[in-house]
Amino acid sequence: MGLPDASGDLSSEMEVDAFRRLFPLRYFERHLSESIRPDARPLGRARDTTLALGAVASAHGSALAKIGSTTMLAAIKMEVMTPSTESPDEGSIAIDFHMPPICSPIVRPGRPAEAAPVISKQLSDTISSSGMINLKELSLVSGKAAWMAYLDIYCLDADGALFDAALLSAVAAFSHLQIPIVSLNDDGKIELISEEDDGAKLEVEPVNKEKRKLTLSSIPFSLTCILHKNYILADPTAEEESIMETAVTVVLDSSSRLVSFYKPGGPVLAHTSAVQDCVALTRQRVKELQNILDETLSGMEID
């Protein structure tokens, strides 16, 4: 007697799946009318988020961030450079965002993803304008040597809200970063001290005597929302982004100060009330992300 029921359930599932593929917007709107999404999340709730530090052993700082299925791997490599004449007491940060073909079916081999340079620019602007990093901390010898931090972020799975996950991985990687020990040689040049030399007695006095961390302040976190009719969907999946095309991204720092507001077009106007609702959702999300980062950092200290 169980066989017909199983067959009926299978038939029903196939009909739902066919309806979802043929009429995706209508399928989603049926769920929205009941204030729920197909993945059972309430409209304003973000997906489960996890962080792991030290994911790349060869990097000076690294992190793996997951928001739902969206996965980002961030790694920082430090190199000594000559500072600019305009900022002789400051180092620099270079950010690159990569979307290899493995991250999404829409990214084709041999063709750079259109979103990659846009997200790279967004990340650079956000980290710079937030004041999270004091570039003077990257100075070694005024006018002669400073650190260049190369941050590379690789998207391993692009299932929506890419900027949010990329920013989270970047913040976590900088939180994990340990600046290497360097010394000044007889020619006045900066030399990196290797791990083997770290414990040995050095003939040359190190410029910085031990590995150190950056002092991060006003850490930025973001939340992307989809605007559709009168609905606001927090942390959209790739499917939701493709169906409902109006997205806004709010960036707040850990003190709830607005860092940036980004809306790349779309048919829905961002009215004042909608913007205020997005900011309110972002405030809640910032607290969640700050707690996740703090717990991950404290867990690493215990280990």
Protein backbone atom coordinates (compact mmCIF):
# COMPACT_ATOMS: atom_id res chain seq x y z
CA MET A 1 0.00 0.00 0.00
CA GLY A 2 3.01 2.29 0.56
CA LEU A 3 4.04 2.13 -3.10
CA PRO A 4 1.26 4.31 -4.55
CA ASP A 5 1.88 6.95 -1.86
CA ALA A 6 5.61 6.99 -2.68
CA SER A 7 4.81 7.23 -6.37
CA GLY A 8 2.39 10.06 -5.72
CA ASP A 9 4.94 11.95 -3.61
CA LEU A 10 7.54 11.56 -6.35
CA SER A 11 5.08 12.80 -8.97
CA SER A 12 4.20 15.79 -6.79
CA GLU A 13 7.89 16.63 -6.27
CA MET A 14 8.49 16.47 -10.02
CA GLU A 15 5.55 18.81 -10.66
CA VAL A 16 6.86 21.32 -8.10
CA ASP A 17 10.35 21.15 -9.58
CA ALA A 18 8.97 21.63 -13.10
CA PHE A 19 6.89 24.62 -11.97
CA ARG A 20 9.99 26.10 -10.27
CA ARG A 21 12.02 25.79 -13.47
CA LEU A 22 9.31 27.06 -15.83
CA PHE A 23 7.93 29.88 -13.66
CA PRO A 24 10.68 30.76 -11.15
CA LEU A 25 9.33 34.20 -10.25
CA ARG A 26 5.80 32.94 -9.62
CA TYR A 27 7.24 30.07 -7.57
CA PHE A 28 9.18 32.48 -5.34
CA GLU A 29 6.29 34.93 -5.05
CA ARG A 30 4.03 32.17 -3.72
CA HIS A 31 6.53 31.66 -0.90
CA LEU A 32 7.00 35.39 -0.33
CA SER A 33 3.27 35.86 0.15
CA GLU A 34 3.63 33.60 3.21
CA SER A 35 6.77 35.46 4.40
CA ILE A 36 9.04 32.50 3.85
CA ARG A 37 11.56 31.42 1.24
CA PRO A 38 11.97 28.09 -0.58
CA ASP A 39 14.92 27.20 1.71
CA ALA A 40 12.61 27.73 4.75
CA ARG A 41 14.34 30.93 5.88
CA PRO A 42 12.33 33.96 7.01
CA LEU A 43 12.79 36.89 4.64
CA GLY A 44 15.17 38.81 6.92
CA ARG A 45 17.40 35.94 8.02
CA ALA A 46 20.89 35.30 6.64
CA ARG A 47 22.23 31.82 5.97
CA ASP A 48 24.41 29.89 8.42
CA THR A 49 27.90 31.39 8.50
CA THR A 50 31.23 29.80 9.43
CA LEU A 51 34.85 30.97 9.58
CA ALA A 52 38.13 29.08 9.67
CA LEU A 53 41.50 30.81 10.15
CA GLY A 54 44.89 29.68 8.86
CA ALA A 55 43.45 27.85 5.86
CA VAL A 56 46.60 28.50 3.75
CA ALA A 57 49.81 27.49 5.56
CA SER A 58 52.12 29.33 3.13
CA ALA A 59 50.33 32.69 3.61
CA HIS A 60 51.05 35.23 6.35
CA GLY A 61 47.33 35.43 7.06
CA SER A 62 44.39 33.48 5.66
CA ALA A 63 40.77 32.56 6.23
CA LEU A 64 37.98 30.45 4.76
CA ALA A 65 34.50 32.02 5.01
CA LYS A 66 31.20 30.30 4.22
CA ILE A 67 27.78 31.93 4.05
CA GLY A 68 25.40 29.15 3.15
CA SER A 69 27.07 27.51 0.15
CA THR A 70 28.93 30.68 -0.89
CA THR A 71 32.59 29.99 -0.07
CA MET A 72 35.58 32.36 -0.10
CA LEU A 73 39.25 31.66 0.54
CA ALA A 74 41.35 34.73 1.42
CA ALA A 75 45.14 34.74 1.71
CA ILE A 76 47.60 37.55 2.45
CA LYS A 77 51.24 37.66 1.40
CA MET A 78 53.50 40.40 2.77
CA GLU A 79 56.34 41.90 0.73
CA VAL A 80 58.71 44.80 1.41
CA MET A 81 58.44 47.77 -0.95
CA THR A 82 59.68 51.35 -1.20
CA PRO A 83 56.91 53.70 0.00
CA SER A 84 55.70 56.55 -2.18
CA THR A 85 57.10 60.04 -1.71
CA GLU A 86 53.58 61.28 -0.90
CA SER A 87 53.22 58.76 1.98
CA PRO A 88 56.74 57.91 3.17
CA ASP A 89 55.47 56.52 6.50
CA GLU A 90 52.74 54.28 5.10
CA GLY A 91 52.50 50.83 3.57
CA SER A 92 49.98 49.69 0.97
CA ILE A 93 47.30 47.08 0.38
CA ALA A 94 46.54 45.45 -2.99
CA ILE A 95 43.34 43.41 -3.33
CA ASP A 96 42.43 40.95 -6.09
CA PHE A 97 39.20 38.97 -6.28
CA HIS A 98 39.22 35.81 -8.39
CA MET A 99 36.32 33.77 -9.78
CA PRO A 100 37.67 30.52 -11.29
CA PRO A 101 35.34 28.41 -13.46
CA ILE A 102 34.81 25.92 -10.60
CA CYS A 103 32.81 28.49 -8.61
CA SER A 104 29.77 28.75 -10.89
CA PRO A 105 28.30 27.34 -14.13
CA ILE A 106 28.07 30.91 -15.52
CA VAL A 107 31.86 31.41 -15.30
CA ARG A 108 33.45 29.98 -18.42
CA PRO A 109 37.08 28.85 -18.77
CA GLY A 110 39.26 31.44 -20.49
CA ARG A 111 36.78 34.25 -19.90
CA PRO A 112 37.16 36.48 -16.83
CA ALA A 113 33.99 36.83 -14.78
CA GLU A 114 32.40 40.27 -15.13
CA ALA A 115 31.75 40.49 -11.38
CA ALA A 116 35.39 39.94 -10.36
CA PRO A 117 36.84 43.44 -11.05
CA VAL A 118 33.69 45.08 -9.64
CA ILE A 119 33.98 43.19 -6.35
CA SER A 120 37.75 43.87 -6.22
CA LYS A 121 37.07 47.61 -6.46
CA GLN A 122 34.27 47.41 -3.89
CA LEU A 123 36.54 45.59 -1.43
CA SER A 124 39.38 48.07 -1.90
CA ASP A 125 37.06 51.05 -1.42
CA THR A 126 35.39 49.52 1.65
CA ILE A 127 38.60 48.57 3.46
CA SER A 128 40.14 51.94 2.66
CA SER A 129 37.15 54.12 3.61
CA SER A 130 36.34 52.17 6.78
CA GLY A 131 39.73 53.01 8.30
CA MET A 132 40.06 49.40 9.48
CA ILE A 133 43.83 49.39 8.88
CA ASN A 134 46.20 52.17 9.84
CA LEU A 135 48.68 52.12 6.95
CA LYS A 136 51.32 53.68 9.20
CA GLU A 137 51.48 50.30 10.99
CA LEU A 138 52.87 48.87 7.75
CA SER A 139 55.86 51.25 7.75
CA LEU A 140 59.34 49.81 8.45
CA VAL A 141 61.86 52.58 7.75
CA SER A 142 60.46 56.01 6.94
CA GLY A 143 60.83 56.82 3.25
CA LYS A 144 62.83 53.64 2.60
CA ALA A 145 60.83 50.52 3.37
CA ALA A 146 57.24 49.56 4.10
CA TRP A 147 55.02 46.51 3.81
CA MET A 148 52.84 45.79 0.80
CA ALA A 149 49.99 43.45 1.78
CA TYR A 150 48.78 41.42 -1.20
CA LEU A 151 45.30 40.10 -0.46
CA ASP A 152 43.94 37.49 -2.88
CA ILE A 153 40.39 36.22 -2.47
CA TYR A 154 39.26 33.14 -4.37
CA CYS A 155 35.58 32.38 -4.80
CA LEU A 156 35.19 28.60 -4.49
CA ASP A 157 31.37 28.52 -4.65
CA ALA A 158 29.32 31.48 -5.94
CA ASP A 159 25.87 30.96 -4.46
CA GLY A 160 24.88 34.60 -3.95
CA ALA A 161 25.95 37.55 -1.76
CA LEU A 162 29.52 37.30 -3.05
CA PHE A 163 30.66 40.66 -1.69
CA ASP A 164 29.42 39.87 1.82
CA ALA A 165 31.37 36.60 1.96
CA ALA A 166 34.45 38.14 0.31
CA LEU A 167 34.53 41.03 2.82
CA LEU A 168 34.11 38.63 5.73
CA SER A 169 37.00 36.47 4.49
CA ALA A 170 39.17 39.59 4.02
CA VAL A 171 38.46 40.87 7.54
CA ALA A 172 39.17 37.43 9.00
CA ALA A 173 42.42 37.09 7.03
CA PHE A 174 43.66 40.47 8.31
CA SER A 175 42.65 39.43 11.84
CA HIS A 176 44.77 36.30 11.43
CA LEU A 177 47.69 38.10 9.77
CA GLN A 178 51.11 37.89 11.44
CA ILE A 179 53.62 40.41 10.11
CA PRO A 180 57.00 38.66 9.59
CA ILE A 181 60.28 39.58 11.28
CA VAL A 182 62.70 41.58 9.09
CA SER A 183 66.19 43.02 9.57
CA LEU A 184 68.29 45.80 8.05
CA ASN A 185 71.44 44.46 6.33
CA ASP A 186 74.82 46.21 5.88
CA ASP A 187 73.67 47.74 2.58
CA GLY A 188 70.69 49.33 4.28
CA LYS A 189 68.22 46.93 2.68
CA ILE A 190 65.39 45.11 4.43
CA GLU A 191 65.69 41.33 4.58
CA LEU A 192 63.00 38.86 5.58
CA ILE A 193 64.06 36.56 8.41
CA SER A 194 63.09 32.95 7.72
CA GLU A 195 61.37 30.62 10.18
CA GLU A 196 64.71 28.79 10.72
CA ASP A 197 66.49 32.03 11.64
CA ASP A 198 63.65 33.13 13.89
CA GLY A 199 64.88 31.15 16.91
CA ALA A 200 68.59 31.55 16.18
CA LYS A 201 70.82 34.36 17.41
CA LEU A 202 70.96 37.06 14.76
CA GLU A 203 74.04 39.08 13.93
CA VAL A 204 71.88 41.94 12.66
CA GLU A 205 69.32 43.61 14.90
CA PRO A 206 65.76 42.98 13.58
CA VAL A 207 63.66 45.99 12.61
CA ASN A 208 60.69 44.32 14.28
CA LYS A 209 61.85 41.80 16.89
CA GLU A 210 58.86 39.47 16.79
CA LYS A 211 55.90 38.63 14.63
CA ARG A 212 53.06 41.01 15.31
CA LYS A 213 49.44 41.51 14.44
CA LEU A 214 47.78 44.58 13.00
CA THR A 215 45.54 46.69 15.22
CA LEU A 216 42.17 46.60 13.47
CA SER A 217 39.56 49.25 14.22
CA SER A 218 36.12 50.06 12.79
CA ILE A 219 35.89 46.59 11.22
CA PRO A 220 33.39 46.65 8.31
CA PHE A 221 30.73 44.01 7.71
CA SER A 222 28.08 43.97 5.00
CA LEU A 223 24.67 42.60 4.16
CA THR A 224 23.19 42.34 0.67
CA CYS A 225 19.40 42.51 0.36
CA ILE A 226 17.08 41.91 -2.57
CA LEU A 227 14.21 44.36 -3.11
CA HIS A 228 11.18 42.84 -4.81
CA LYS A 229 7.86 44.70 -4.77
CA ASN A 230 7.25 45.31 -1.05
CA TYR A 231 9.53 42.48 0.07
CA ILE A 232 13.10 42.66 1.38
CA LEU A 233 15.15 39.45 1.28
CA ALA A 234 18.38 39.39 3.28
CA ASP A 235 21.42 37.42 2.09
CA PRO A 236 20.06 36.17 -1.25
CA THR A 237 21.12 32.96 -2.95
CA ALA A 238 22.35 33.00 -6.54
CA GLU A 239 18.93 31.80 -7.70
CA GLU A 240 17.17 34.63 -5.86
CA GLU A 241 19.63 37.18 -7.30
CA SER A 242 19.00 35.92 -10.85
CA ILE A 243 15.21 36.11 -10.52
CA MET A 244 14.80 39.33 -8.52
CA GLU A 245 17.39 41.68 -9.94
CA THR A 246 17.34 44.69 -7.60
CA ALA A 247 20.03 44.32 -4.93
CA VAL A 248 21.40 46.73 -2.34
CA THR A 249 24.47 46.22 -0.17
CA VAL A 250 24.86 48.06 3.12
CA VAL A 251 28.27 48.19 4.82
CA LEU A 252 28.45 49.16 8.49
CA ASP A 253 31.44 49.06 10.81
CA SER A 254 31.49 47.46 14.26
CA SER A 255 30.18 50.72 15.75
CA SER A 256 27.18 50.71 13.36
CA ARG A 257 28.63 53.64 11.40
CA LEU A 258 27.62 53.63 7.73
CA VAL A 259 30.66 52.92 5.56
CA SER A 260 28.95 52.56 2.18
CA PHE A 261 25.64 51.91 0.45
CA TYR A 262 25.77 50.21 -2.93
CA LYS A 263 22.90 49.76 -5.41
CA PRO A 264 23.96 48.69 -8.91
CA GLY A 265 20.74 49.59 -10.74
CA GLY A 266 17.68 47.35 -10.97
CA PRO A 267 13.98 48.04 -11.66
CA VAL A 268 12.92 48.64 -8.03
CA LEU A 269 13.49 52.07 -6.48
CA ALA A 270 15.16 52.11 -3.06
CA HIS A 271 12.72 54.28 -1.11
CA THR A 272 13.70 55.75 2.25
CA SER A 273 11.70 53.18 4.21
CA ALA A 274 13.31 50.30 2.30
CA VAL A 275 16.79 51.72 2.88
CA GLN A 276 16.06 52.11 6.61
CA ASP A 277 14.85 48.50 6.79
CA CYS A 278 18.00 47.29 5.02
CA VAL A 279 20.19 49.26 7.44
CA ALA A 280 18.28 47.80 10.42
CA LEU A 281 18.80 44.26 9.09
CA THR A 282 22.49 45.03 8.55
CA ARG A 283 22.86 46.22 12.17
CA GLN A 284 21.60 42.84 13.36
CA ARG A 285 23.87 41.04 10.92
CA VAL A 286 26.94 43.03 12.02
CA LYS A 287 26.43 41.81 15.60
CA GLU A 288 26.16 38.21 14.37
CA LEU A 289 29.30 38.46 12.23
CA GLN A 290 31.30 40.22 14.96
CA ASN A 291 30.39 37.40 17.39
CA ILE A 292 31.38 34.75 14.84
CA LEU A 293 34.74 36.48 14.25
CA ASP A 294 35.38 36.92 17.99
CA GLU A 295 34.53 33.27 18.72
CA THR A 296 36.79 32.07 15.88
CA LEU A 297 39.70 34.22 17.09
CA SER A 298 39.28 33.13 20.74
CA GLY A 299 39.04 29.49 19.64
CA MET A 300 42.33 29.84 17.79
CA GLU A 301 44.02 31.37 20.86
CA ILE A 302 42.90 28.39 22.97
CA ASP A 303 44.28 25.96 20.37
